Amino acid sequence: MAIELPDHLIALERTAWAEIQAGRLTVDTARAVYEGIAAFAEQAGVGRYDVEMGLKKAVRHPEAEAA
């Protein structure tokens, strides 16, 4: 099942991923991503874990999405 992720959630994860790669992930960024995932999962009626994994795959491995 493919989950249609909202643009704002993808943008949050991109920010977090950039901070992780730079070694400067902040608590505020991590919290924003977590809360965004939880809110979207509840609203969409899907599992939080599924949303989180789909989001990470879309941001960290976009080439897999294109295949």
N, C-alpha and C. Protein backbone atom coordinates (compact mmCIF):
# COMPACT_ATOMS: atom_id res chain seq x y z
N MET A 1 0.84 -1.19 0.00
CA MET A 1 0.00 0.00 0.00
C MET A 1 0.88 1.24 0.00
N ALA A 2 0.73 2.07 -1.00
CA ALA A 2 1.47 3.33 -1.07
C ALA A 2 0.68 4.42 -0.36
N ILE A 3 1.37 5.16 0.48
CA ILE A 3 0.75 6.25 1.21
C ILE A 3 1.13 7.55 0.52
N GLU A 4 0.14 8.36 0.20
CA GLU A 4 0.39 9.67 -0.42
C GLU A 4 0.80 10.64 0.68
N LEU A 5 2.08 10.96 0.72
CA LEU A 5 2.62 11.81 1.77
C LEU A 5 2.46 13.28 1.41
N PRO A 6 2.02 14.10 2.37
CA PRO A 6 1.86 15.53 2.09
C PRO A 6 3.22 16.24 1.95
N ASP A 7 3.24 17.27 1.14
CA ASP A 7 4.47 18.01 0.87
C ASP A 7 5.11 18.57 2.13
N HIS A 8 4.29 19.06 3.07
CA HIS A 8 4.87 19.66 4.28
C HIS A 8 5.62 18.62 5.12
N LEU A 9 5.15 17.38 5.10
CA LEU A 9 5.81 16.31 5.85
C LEU A 9 7.12 15.93 5.17
N ILE A 10 7.13 15.89 3.87
CA ILE A 10 8.36 15.61 3.12
C ILE A 10 9.38 16.71 3.37
N ALA A 11 8.94 17.96 3.40
CA ALA A 11 9.84 19.08 3.67
C ALA A 11 10.45 18.98 5.07
N LEU A 12 9.63 18.60 6.05
CA LEU A 12 10.15 18.43 7.42
C LEU A 12 11.21 17.35 7.46
N GLU A 13 10.95 16.21 6.80
CA GLU A 13 11.92 15.11 6.81
C GLU A 13 13.19 15.50 6.07
N ARG A 14 13.07 16.27 5.00
CA ARG A 14 14.27 16.74 4.28
C ARG A 14 15.13 17.62 5.18
N THR A 15 14.48 18.48 5.96
CA THR A 15 15.22 19.33 6.89
C THR A 15 15.93 18.47 7.93
N ALA A 16 15.21 17.50 8.49
CA ALA A 16 15.81 16.62 9.49
C ALA A 16 16.97 15.83 8.90
N TRP A 17 16.80 15.31 7.70
CA TRP A 17 17.86 14.51 7.06
C TRP A 17 19.10 15.37 6.81
N ALA A 18 18.91 16.60 6.37
CA ALA A 18 20.04 17.50 6.16
C ALA A 18 20.76 17.77 7.48
N GLU A 19 19.99 17.98 8.54
CA GLU A 19 20.60 18.21 9.86
C GLU A 19 21.34 16.97 10.34
N ILE A 20 20.79 15.80 10.12
CA ILE A 20 21.45 14.55 10.52
C ILE A 20 22.77 14.41 9.78
N GLN A 21 22.75 14.64 8.49
CA GLN A 21 23.97 14.51 7.69
C GLN A 21 25.04 15.52 8.11
N ALA A 22 24.61 16.68 8.57
CA ALA A 22 25.55 17.71 9.02
C ALA A 22 25.96 17.52 10.48
N GLY A 23 25.35 16.53 11.14
CA GLY A 23 25.67 16.28 12.54
C GLY A 23 25.09 17.31 13.49
N ARG A 24 23.95 17.91 13.10
CA ARG A 24 23.38 18.95 13.95
C ARG A 24 21.85 18.87 14.05
N LEU A 25 21.32 17.66 14.11
CA LEU A 25 19.88 17.49 14.29
C LEU A 25 19.47 18.09 15.63
N THR A 26 18.46 18.96 15.60
CA THR A 26 17.98 19.58 16.83
C THR A 26 16.76 18.83 17.37
N VAL A 27 16.53 18.98 18.63
CA VAL A 27 15.36 18.38 19.26
C VAL A 27 14.09 18.96 18.63
N ASP A 28 14.09 20.24 18.36
CA ASP A 28 12.91 20.87 17.76
C ASP A 28 12.57 20.26 16.40
N THR A 29 13.59 20.03 15.58
CA THR A 29 13.35 19.43 14.27
C THR A 29 12.86 18.00 14.41
N ALA A 30 13.51 17.23 15.26
CA ALA A 30 13.10 15.84 15.47
C ALA A 30 11.67 15.77 15.99
N ARG A 31 11.33 16.64 16.91
CA ARG A 31 9.97 16.67 17.46
C ARG A 31 8.95 17.04 16.40
N ALA A 32 9.28 18.03 15.56
CA ALA A 32 8.36 18.45 14.50
C ALA A 32 8.08 17.30 13.53
N VAL A 33 9.11 16.55 13.17
CA VAL A 33 8.91 15.42 12.27
C VAL A 33 8.05 14.36 12.95
N TYR A 34 8.38 14.02 14.19
CA TYR A 34 7.62 13.00 14.91
C TYR A 34 6.14 13.40 15.03
N GLU A 35 5.91 14.63 15.44
CA GLU A 35 4.52 15.08 15.61
C GLU A 35 3.78 15.14 14.28
N GLY A 36 4.49 15.53 13.22
CA GLY A 36 3.88 15.56 11.90
C GLY A 36 3.49 14.17 11.43
N ILE A 37 4.37 13.22 11.65
CA ILE A 37 4.09 11.82 11.29
C ILE A 37 2.90 11.30 12.07
N ALA A 38 2.91 11.52 13.37
CA ALA A 38 1.82 11.02 14.21
C ALA A 38 0.48 11.63 13.82
N ALA A 39 0.45 12.93 13.58
CA ALA A 39 -0.79 13.60 13.21
C ALA A 39 -1.30 13.10 11.86
N PHE A 40 -0.40 12.98 10.88
CA PHE A 40 -0.82 12.51 9.57
C PHE A 40 -1.32 11.07 9.64
N ALA A 41 -0.61 10.22 10.36
CA ALA A 41 -1.02 8.82 10.47
C ALA A 41 -2.41 8.70 11.07
N GLU A 42 -2.67 9.47 12.11
CA GLU A 42 -3.98 9.43 12.74
C GLU A 42 -5.07 9.93 11.79
N GLN A 43 -4.79 11.03 11.12
CA GLN A 43 -5.76 11.62 10.20
C GLN A 43 -6.04 10.70 9.02
N ALA A 44 -5.00 10.03 8.52
CA ALA A 44 -5.14 9.17 7.35
C ALA A 44 -5.60 7.76 7.71
N GLY A 45 -5.58 7.43 9.00
CA GLY A 45 -6.00 6.11 9.43
C GLY A 45 -5.01 5.01 9.06
N VAL A 46 -3.73 5.36 9.07
CA VAL A 46 -2.67 4.39 8.78
C VAL A 46 -1.70 4.34 9.95
N GLY A 47 -0.86 3.33 9.96
CA GLY A 47 0.09 3.17 11.04
C GLY A 47 1.20 4.20 11.00
N ARG A 48 1.58 4.69 12.15
CA ARG A 48 2.66 5.67 12.26
C ARG A 48 3.96 5.11 11.69
N TYR A 49 4.23 3.85 11.98
CA TYR A 49 5.45 3.21 11.48
C TYR A 49 5.46 3.20 9.95
N ASP A 50 4.33 2.88 9.34
CA ASP A 50 4.25 2.85 7.88
C ASP A 50 4.50 4.23 7.27
N VAL A 51 3.95 5.25 7.91
CA VAL A 51 4.17 6.62 7.45
C VAL A 51 5.65 6.98 7.58
N GLU A 52 6.24 6.68 8.73
CA GLU A 52 7.64 7.01 8.96
C GLU A 52 8.56 6.31 7.97
N MET A 53 8.34 5.03 7.74
CA MET A 53 9.19 4.30 6.80
C MET A 53 9.00 4.80 5.37
N GLY A 54 7.78 5.09 4.98
CA GLY A 54 7.53 5.63 3.64
C GLY A 54 8.18 6.99 3.46
N LEU A 55 8.12 7.80 4.50
CA LEU A 55 8.70 9.14 4.46
C LEU A 55 10.22 9.06 4.34
N LYS A 56 10.83 8.22 5.15
CA LYS A 56 12.29 8.07 5.09
C LYS A 56 12.73 7.54 3.73
N LYS A 57 11.99 6.59 3.20
CA LYS A 57 12.32 6.04 1.88
C LYS A 57 12.21 7.13 0.81
N ALA A 58 11.16 7.92 0.87
CA ALA A 58 10.95 8.97 -0.13
C ALA A 58 12.04 10.03 -0.09
N VAL A 59 12.51 10.36 1.11
CA VAL A 59 13.50 11.43 1.26
C VAL A 59 14.93 10.90 1.13
N ARG A 60 15.21 9.78 1.75
CA ARG A 60 16.59 9.29 1.78
C ARG A 60 16.95 8.40 0.60
N HIS A 61 15.96 7.81 -0.04
CA HIS A 61 16.21 6.91 -1.16
C HIS A 61 15.22 7.19 -2.29
N PRO A 62 15.22 8.40 -2.81
CA PRO A 62 14.22 8.75 -3.84
C PRO A 62 14.36 7.92 -5.12
N GLU A 63 15.55 7.40 -5.38
CA GLU A 63 15.74 6.57 -6.57
C GLU A 63 14.90 5.30 -6.51
N ALA A 64 14.63 4.79 -5.32
CA ALA A 64 13.79 3.60 -5.17
C ALA A 64 12.35 3.94 -5.49
N GLU A 65 11.93 5.16 -5.23
CA GLU A 65 10.57 5.58 -5.54
C GLU A 65 10.37 5.71 -7.04
N ALA A 66 11.40 6.10 -7.76
CA ALA A 66 11.31 6.32 -9.20
C ALA A 66 11.27 5.01 -9.98
N ALA A 67 11.79 3.95 -9.38
CA ALA A 67 11.87 2.65 -10.07
C ALA A 67 10.53 1.98 -10.21
